[in-house]
Protein backbone atom coordinates (compact mmCIF):
# COMPACT_ATOMS: atom_id res chain seq x y z
CA MET A 1 -5.52 -2.94 -131.51
CA SER A 2 -2.25 -2.03 -133.20
CA ASP A 3 -0.94 -4.14 -136.08
CA ILE A 4 2.53 -3.85 -134.53
CA SER A 5 3.37 -6.90 -132.43
CA TYR A 6 5.27 -6.30 -129.23
CA PHE A 7 6.12 -10.01 -129.15
CA GLN A 8 7.91 -11.62 -132.08
CA LYS A 9 6.93 -15.08 -133.25
CA TYR A 10 10.14 -17.03 -133.73
CA SER A 11 11.73 -20.37 -132.74
CA GLN A 12 13.34 -21.58 -129.48
CA ARG A 13 10.00 -22.16 -127.77
CA GLU A 14 10.88 -22.32 -124.08
CA ASN A 15 13.39 -19.47 -124.07
CA HIS A 16 11.09 -17.41 -126.26
CA ILE A 17 8.06 -17.95 -124.01
CA THR A 18 10.14 -17.09 -120.94
CA ASN A 19 11.50 -13.96 -122.60
CA ASN A 20 8.08 -12.69 -123.64
CA SER A 21 6.63 -13.41 -120.20
CA LEU A 22 9.40 -11.35 -118.62
CA LEU A 23 8.82 -8.58 -121.16
CA MET A 24 5.16 -8.52 -120.18
CA MET A 25 6.03 -8.22 -116.50
CA ARG A 26 8.58 -5.51 -117.22
CA HIS A 27 5.97 -3.50 -119.13
CA LEU A 28 3.63 -3.86 -116.15
CA TYR A 29 6.33 -2.76 -113.70
CA ARG A 30 7.29 0.26 -115.79
CA ASN A 31 3.65 1.26 -116.00
CA SER A 32 3.16 1.00 -112.24
CA PRO A 33 5.32 -0.65 -109.54
CA THR A 34 2.22 -0.75 -107.34
CA ARG A 35 0.30 -2.61 -110.03
CA MET A 36 3.21 -5.02 -110.42
CA GLU A 37 3.13 -5.62 -106.67
CA SER A 38 -0.58 -6.45 -106.86
CA PHE A 39 0.09 -8.79 -109.78
CA ILE A 40 2.84 -10.66 -107.92
CA LYS A 41 0.66 -10.92 -104.81
CA SER A 42 -2.21 -12.39 -106.82
CA VAL A 43 -0.03 -14.83 -108.76
CA LEU A 44 1.90 -15.98 -105.68
CA ASP A 45 -1.13 -15.75 -103.36
CA ASP A 46 0.95 -13.85 -100.80
CA ASP A 47 -0.25 -10.50 -99.43
CA GLN A 48 2.99 -9.92 -97.51
CA ILE A 49 5.15 -9.32 -100.59
CA GLU A 50 6.38 -5.77 -101.15
CA ILE A 51 7.98 -4.43 -104.31
CA GLY A 52 9.87 -1.16 -104.43
CA LEU A 53 10.95 1.29 -101.78
CA THR A 54 9.30 1.90 -98.41
CA PHE A 55 9.63 5.20 -96.57
CA GLN A 56 9.60 5.38 -92.77
CA GLN A 57 10.30 8.10 -90.22
CA GLN A 58 11.70 7.93 -86.67
CA ILE A 59 12.55 4.20 -86.73
CA ARG A 60 13.96 3.06 -83.40
CA ALA A 61 17.18 1.05 -83.69
CA SER A 62 19.16 -0.64 -80.90
CA ASN A 63 21.35 2.37 -80.12
CA SER A 64 19.73 5.26 -81.97
CA ILE A 65 16.68 6.64 -83.71
CA PRO A 66 17.45 7.62 -87.33
CA ASP A 67 15.36 10.50 -88.62
CA ALA A 68 14.13 8.41 -91.55
CA LEU A 69 14.65 5.13 -93.36
CA ILE A 70 14.28 4.23 -97.03
CA SER A 71 14.39 0.47 -97.46
CA GLN A 72 13.58 -2.31 -99.89
CA SER A 73 12.63 -5.85 -99.00
CA ALA A 74 14.59 -8.71 -100.52
CA LEU A 75 12.69 -10.70 -103.14
CA ASN A 76 14.02 -13.36 -105.52
CA ILE A 77 11.53 -15.06 -107.84
CA PHE A 78 13.04 -17.93 -109.81
CA ILE A 79 10.85 -18.81 -112.78
CA GLU A 80 10.60 -22.21 -114.44
CA ALA A 81 8.56 -21.69 -117.62
CA LYS A 82 7.45 -24.88 -119.36
CA ALA A 83 6.75 -24.90 -123.07
CA ASP A 84 6.16 -28.64 -123.36
CA GLY A 85 5.32 -31.10 -120.62
CA LEU A 86 4.73 -30.56 -116.92
CA LEU A 87 6.69 -29.34 -113.95
CA TYR A 88 8.43 -32.24 -112.24
CA LEU A 89 10.14 -32.75 -108.90
CA ASP A 90 13.66 -33.59 -110.09
CA GLN A 91 14.03 -30.35 -112.02
CA ILE A 92 12.63 -28.20 -109.20
CA GLN A 93 14.92 -29.98 -106.73
CA ARG A 94 17.91 -28.98 -108.85
CA HIS A 95 16.74 -25.37 -108.69
CA VAL A 96 16.44 -25.68 -104.90
CA ASP A 97 19.97 -27.08 -104.68
CA SER A 98 21.32 -24.22 -106.79
CA ILE A 99 19.57 -21.62 -104.65
CA THR A 100 20.77 -23.11 -101.36
CA ALA A 101 24.33 -23.15 -102.70
CA GLN A 102 24.18 -19.37 -103.16
CA ASN A 103 24.49 -16.73 -100.48
CA ILE A 104 20.82 -15.71 -100.69
CA GLU A 105 18.36 -15.22 -97.86
CA LYS A 106 16.18 -18.31 -98.36
CA GLU A 107 13.03 -16.64 -96.97
CA SER A 108 13.21 -14.18 -99.86
CA CYS A 109 13.23 -16.94 -102.49
CA ILE A 110 10.20 -18.13 -104.42
CA ILE A 111 10.15 -20.62 -107.27
CA LEU A 112 7.34 -19.86 -109.72
CA GLY A 113 6.33 -22.54 -112.19
CA LEU A 114 4.59 -21.37 -115.38
CA THR A 115 2.90 -24.15 -117.28
CA LYS A 116 0.12 -24.96 -119.70
CA ARG A 117 -1.55 -27.27 -117.18
CA LEU A 118 -0.82 -27.99 -113.54
CA PRO A 119 0.68 -31.29 -112.36
CA ALA A 120 -1.36 -33.74 -110.30
CA ASP A 121 -2.08 -32.70 -106.70
CA LYS A 122 0.34 -35.29 -105.29
CA ASP A 123 3.16 -34.07 -107.53
CA LEU A 124 2.48 -30.46 -106.53
CA THR A 125 2.55 -31.43 -102.85
CA ASP A 126 5.88 -33.24 -103.28
CA ILE A 127 7.38 -30.20 -105.04
CA ARG A 128 6.11 -27.79 -102.38
CA ASN A 129 7.48 -29.96 -99.59
CA ALA A 130 10.90 -30.20 -101.25
CA CYS A 131 11.03 -26.40 -101.44
CA LYS A 132 9.58 -25.84 -97.96
CA THR A 133 12.22 -28.09 -96.39
CA ASN A 134 14.82 -25.61 -97.59
CA GLY A 135 12.86 -22.50 -96.58
CA ILE A 136 11.82 -21.73 -100.15
CA LYS A 137 8.26 -21.09 -101.27
CA PHE A 138 6.89 -22.72 -104.41
CA THR A 139 3.82 -21.86 -106.43
CA ALA A 140 2.62 -22.84 -109.90
CA VAL A 141 0.18 -21.09 -112.22
CA THR A 142 -1.04 -21.77 -115.71
CA TYR A 143 -0.61 -19.26 -118.51
CA SER A 144 -4.41 -18.92 -118.53
CA GLU A 145 -4.33 -17.85 -114.88
CA LEU A 146 -1.47 -15.47 -115.62
CA ILE A 147 -3.52 -13.76 -118.32
CA ALA A 148 -6.58 -13.53 -116.06
CA ASN A 149 -4.51 -11.81 -113.37
CA LEU A 150 -3.11 -9.34 -115.91
CA TYR A 151 -6.55 -8.39 -117.22
CA ALA A 152 -7.83 -7.93 -113.66
CA LEU A 153 -5.19 -5.23 -113.14
CA CYS A 154 -5.34 -3.50 -116.53
CA PRO A 155 -8.44 -1.38 -117.17
CA GLU A 156 -9.47 -1.24 -120.81
CA TYR A 157 -9.24 2.56 -120.95
CA GLU A 158 -5.48 2.37 -120.35
CA THR A 159 -5.07 1.49 -123.99
CA ASP A 160 -1.26 1.27 -124.18
CA LEU A 161 -0.91 -1.33 -121.44
CA TYR A 162 -4.15 -3.10 -122.36
CA GLU A 163 -2.95 -3.63 -125.94
CA ILE A 164 0.30 -5.11 -124.66
CA VAL A 165 -1.64 -7.58 -122.49
CA GLN A 166 -3.79 -8.45 -125.51
CA ASP A 167 -0.70 -9.00 -127.64
CA TYR A 168 0.92 -11.18 -124.98
CA GLU A 169 -2.27 -13.23 -124.77
CA SER A 170 -2.33 -13.61 -128.57
CA PHE A 171 1.28 -14.75 -128.47
CA LEU A 172 0.49 -17.42 -125.87
CA HIS A 173 -2.39 -18.66 -128.01
CA SER A 174 -0.17 -18.72 -131.11
CA VAL A 175 2.28 -21.06 -129.36
CA ASP A 176 -0.55 -23.18 -127.88
CA MET A 177 0.16 -22.35 -124.23
CA VAL A 178 -3.46 -21.80 -123.20
CA ASP A 179 -5.34 -24.99 -122.37
CA ASN A 180 -9.06 -24.43 -121.90
CA PRO A 181 -11.86 -26.55 -123.43
CA PHE A 182 -14.26 -23.60 -123.04
CA GLN A 183 -12.00 -20.93 -124.46
CA MET A 184 -13.78 -18.56 -126.83
CA VAL A 185 -12.22 -15.97 -129.13
CA VAL A 186 -14.53 -13.03 -129.78
CA PHE A 187 -14.24 -10.75 -132.79
CA PRO A 188 -15.85 -7.31 -133.05
CA CYS A 189 -17.89 -7.10 -136.26
CA GLY A 190 -19.29 -3.99 -137.91
CA THR A 191 -20.10 -3.84 -141.60
CA SER A 192 -19.73 -7.60 -142.07
CA TRP A 193 -21.99 -8.62 -139.16
CA ASN A 194 -24.97 -9.68 -141.31
CA GLU A 195 -22.78 -11.85 -143.55
CA ASN A 196 -20.95 -13.31 -140.55
CA ILE A 197 -24.26 -14.52 -139.16
CA GLU A 198 -25.89 -15.52 -142.48
CA TYR A 199 -22.96 -17.63 -143.67
CA GLY A 200 -21.55 -18.72 -140.30
CA ILE A 201 -18.15 -17.35 -141.18
CA TYR A 202 -15.63 -14.80 -139.94
CA TYR A 203 -12.61 -13.55 -141.86
CA GLU A 204 -9.44 -11.62 -141.04
CA GLN A 205 -6.12 -10.84 -142.72
CA GLY A 206 -4.23 -14.04 -143.46
CA THR A 207 -1.00 -12.56 -142.10
CA LYS A 208 -2.40 -12.39 -138.57
CA PRO A 209 -1.80 -15.26 -136.13
CA SER A 210 -4.50 -17.92 -136.31
CA LYS A 211 -6.99 -18.16 -133.45
CA ALA A 212 -8.36 -21.51 -134.59
CA ASN A 213 -6.96 -23.27 -131.51
CA SER A 214 -9.91 -21.79 -129.58
CA PRO A 215 -12.78 -24.29 -129.52
CA PHE A 216 -15.42 -21.54 -129.55
CA ILE A 217 -15.91 -18.28 -131.43
CA GLY A 218 -18.06 -15.27 -130.62
CA ILE A 219 -19.42 -12.43 -132.76
CA TYR A 220 -19.56 -9.02 -131.07
CA ARG A 221 -21.54 -5.93 -132.08
CA ASP A 222 -22.94 -2.87 -130.29
CA LYS A 223 -21.76 -3.62 -126.76
CA LYS A 224 -22.68 -7.30 -126.71
CA ILE A 225 -21.71 -10.73 -127.95
CA THR A 226 -24.65 -11.60 -130.18
CA HIS A 227 -23.76 -15.10 -131.42
CA ILE A 228 -21.44 -17.94 -130.45
CA GLY A 229 -20.53 -21.22 -132.08
CA LYS A 230 -17.75 -23.74 -132.52
CA ILE A 231 -14.83 -23.27 -134.88
CA LYS A 232 -15.08 -26.06 -137.44
CA GLY A 233 -11.87 -25.10 -139.21
CA SER A 234 -10.03 -22.34 -141.03
CA ALA A 235 -8.39 -21.74 -144.38
CA ILE A 236 -6.43 -18.89 -145.96
CA CYS A 237 -7.99 -18.20 -149.34
CA SER A 238 -8.05 -15.84 -152.29
CA LEU A 239 -9.78 -15.80 -155.67
CA LYS A 240 -8.10 -16.08 -159.07
CA ASN A 241 -9.99 -16.31 -162.36
CA GLU A 242 -13.14 -17.12 -160.39
CA ASN A 243 -11.41 -20.08 -158.78
CA LEU A 244 -10.84 -20.41 -155.03
CA ILE A 245 -7.14 -20.61 -154.20
CA ILE A 246 -6.35 -22.21 -150.84
CA GLN A 247 -2.99 -21.34 -149.37
CA GLY A 248 -0.96 -24.51 -148.88
CA ALA A 249 -3.53 -26.35 -151.03
CA LYS A 250 -5.46 -27.46 -147.93
CA PRO A 251 -7.31 -26.00 -144.93
CA GLU A 252 -5.12 -24.46 -142.25
CA SER A 253 -6.97 -26.21 -139.42
CA GLY A 254 -9.93 -28.50 -138.85
CA SER A 255 -11.78 -30.44 -141.50
CA LEU A 256 -13.52 -28.40 -144.19
CA ASP A 257 -15.58 -30.10 -146.89
CA GLU A 258 -16.52 -28.94 -150.39
CA LYS A 259 -19.64 -27.22 -149.07
CA ASP A 260 -17.52 -25.17 -146.64
CA LEU A 261 -15.14 -24.13 -149.40
CA ALA A 262 -18.09 -23.18 -151.59
CA THR A 263 -19.38 -21.01 -148.73
CA ILE A 264 -16.03 -19.21 -148.55
CA GLN A 265 -16.11 -18.55 -152.30
CA GLU A 266 -19.68 -17.28 -152.10
CA VAL A 267 -18.75 -14.85 -149.31
CA ILE A 268 -15.80 -13.57 -151.35
CA GLU A 269 -17.94 -13.07 -154.46
CA LYS A 270 -20.96 -11.51 -152.75
CA THR A 271 -19.27 -9.14 -150.30
CA PRO A 272 -19.83 -5.68 -151.84
CA TYR A 273 -17.82 -3.50 -149.47
CA TYR A 274 -14.45 -5.36 -149.54
CA ASP A 275 -12.62 -6.85 -152.51
CA LEU A 276 -11.82 -10.05 -150.62
CA GLY A 277 -10.65 -11.95 -153.67
CA LYS A 278 -7.56 -9.81 -154.23
CA SER A 279 -5.97 -10.57 -150.87
CA SER A 280 -5.35 -13.70 -148.84
CA GLU A 281 -7.81 -13.75 -145.96
CA ARG A 282 -8.24 -16.32 -143.21
CA TYR A 283 -11.78 -17.68 -143.07
CA TYR A 284 -13.14 -19.32 -139.91
CA LEU A 285 -16.08 -21.65 -140.54
CA ILE A 286 -18.53 -21.70 -137.63
CA GLU A 287 -20.78 -24.62 -136.77
CA TYR A 288 -23.67 -24.80 -134.28
CA LEU A 289 -23.97 -20.99 -134.42
CA GLN A 290 -26.44 -19.79 -131.78
CA GLU A 291 -27.83 -16.41 -130.82
CA VAL A 292 -26.77 -15.27 -127.35
CA ASN A 293 -26.84 -12.09 -125.28
CA LEU A 294 -23.61 -11.39 -123.37
CA ILE A 295 -23.54 -7.72 -122.45
CA LYS A 296 -20.47 -5.49 -122.11
CA THR A 297 -21.01 -3.23 -119.09
CA SER A 298 -17.78 -1.19 -119.19
CA SER A 299 -17.46 1.94 -121.30
CA GLY A 300 -16.31 1.78 -124.90
CA GLY A 301 -16.43 -0.98 -127.45
CA LEU A 302 -14.30 -4.07 -127.92
CA ARG A 303 -10.81 -3.19 -129.16
CA GLY A 304 -9.78 -6.05 -131.38
CA HIS A 305 -10.33 -9.72 -130.67
CA ARG A 306 -10.51 -10.93 -127.09
CA TYR A 307 -10.51 -14.30 -125.35
CA PHE A 308 -13.11 -15.45 -122.83
CA ASP A 309 -13.75 -18.53 -120.72
CA LEU A 310 -17.32 -19.66 -121.36
CA GLN A 311 -17.35 -21.59 -118.09
CA ALA A 312 -16.79 -18.31 -116.21
CA PHE A 313 -20.22 -17.12 -117.39
CA SER A 314 -22.04 -20.02 -115.70
CA GLU A 315 -22.30 -21.48 -112.21
CA ASN A 316 -23.25 -24.82 -113.79
CA ASP A 317 -20.78 -27.28 -115.25
CA LEU A 318 -20.87 -26.86 -119.04
CA ARG A 319 -19.12 -30.13 -119.82
CA GLY A 320 -21.14 -32.43 -122.04
CA LEU A 321 -23.71 -29.77 -122.95
CA SER A 322 -24.80 -28.99 -126.49
CA MET A 323 -24.25 -25.53 -127.95
CA GLU A 324 -27.92 -24.73 -127.41
CA GLU A 325 -27.71 -25.79 -123.75
CA ILE A 326 -24.55 -23.74 -123.22
CA VAL A 327 -26.33 -20.67 -124.59
CA LYS A 328 -29.26 -21.19 -122.19
CA ASN A 329 -26.80 -21.29 -119.29
CA ILE A 330 -24.88 -18.13 -120.15
CA SER A 331 -27.24 -15.80 -122.05
CA GLY A 332 -27.96 -12.56 -120.21
CA LYS A 333 -24.64 -12.54 -118.33
CA THR A 334 -22.31 -9.54 -118.42
CA PHE A 335 -18.61 -8.80 -118.84
CA SER A 336 -16.44 -5.71 -118.62
């Protein structure tokens, strides 16, 4: 994955999240209008939507038969992207009032709510009814669902588009827009794999966005996820005069004790192939690390880190299970 970020990390949360979501959709449309049409159909759960031009020949009209017709269906998707809080009826009703005040064909109008988590069923029903009364369709999806739909349409071998989807996903994680108790971030490991497993630790450049908001972490090597565990915490560290220097004088996330910090220092001092002490690296401490076997069936390796939903690997409810029990439920499953 490229070190260049397509999506900047700056302030103005709601406008920024909306802007980057539109950028993602524009990239998808430029790559393939047909793929964008499939994406919109999946997000809106509407197979009748058409995007782009249609070409027809010998279309009978009331008084004539034109030789051909090139047409485009009307479509207006109004997006309400929430950065904090939930979608609520009063705000959607104001959007409905604004739409009805305009000279727009109401049947072409859809209000799409993007949110971290969906409102209660009753609230969703009230919102849908308020829109339906005015001939407007409403649908709501979480950012997690949005990402899942994007990955379903973007094969990994189309590296340019795939990297943009990955970067958009990383952005959403960096602004805490993905809400999933079974979310797992997986890192491909090569030379450092043995140390990652021995010490229960993974490290990356400290300048990269933190992934510590994922409850679970996975270690990938040779076409499979070999180990998973829980992220205990993270810290950006370097070494100076044989002393561990912690950026900000405290861990970046979680609760790390003296033993954890000693483990970080030991990894820095004993790693022979990288001079970790000279640079500031982010260290993720892993607890309850368990061996697992999740097999990648598609061609090629894993390009950069990737997010998974552990629950998607199991037909059984994983809530309340220990790490060992989760592994028993998911080991042997595949992904692409």
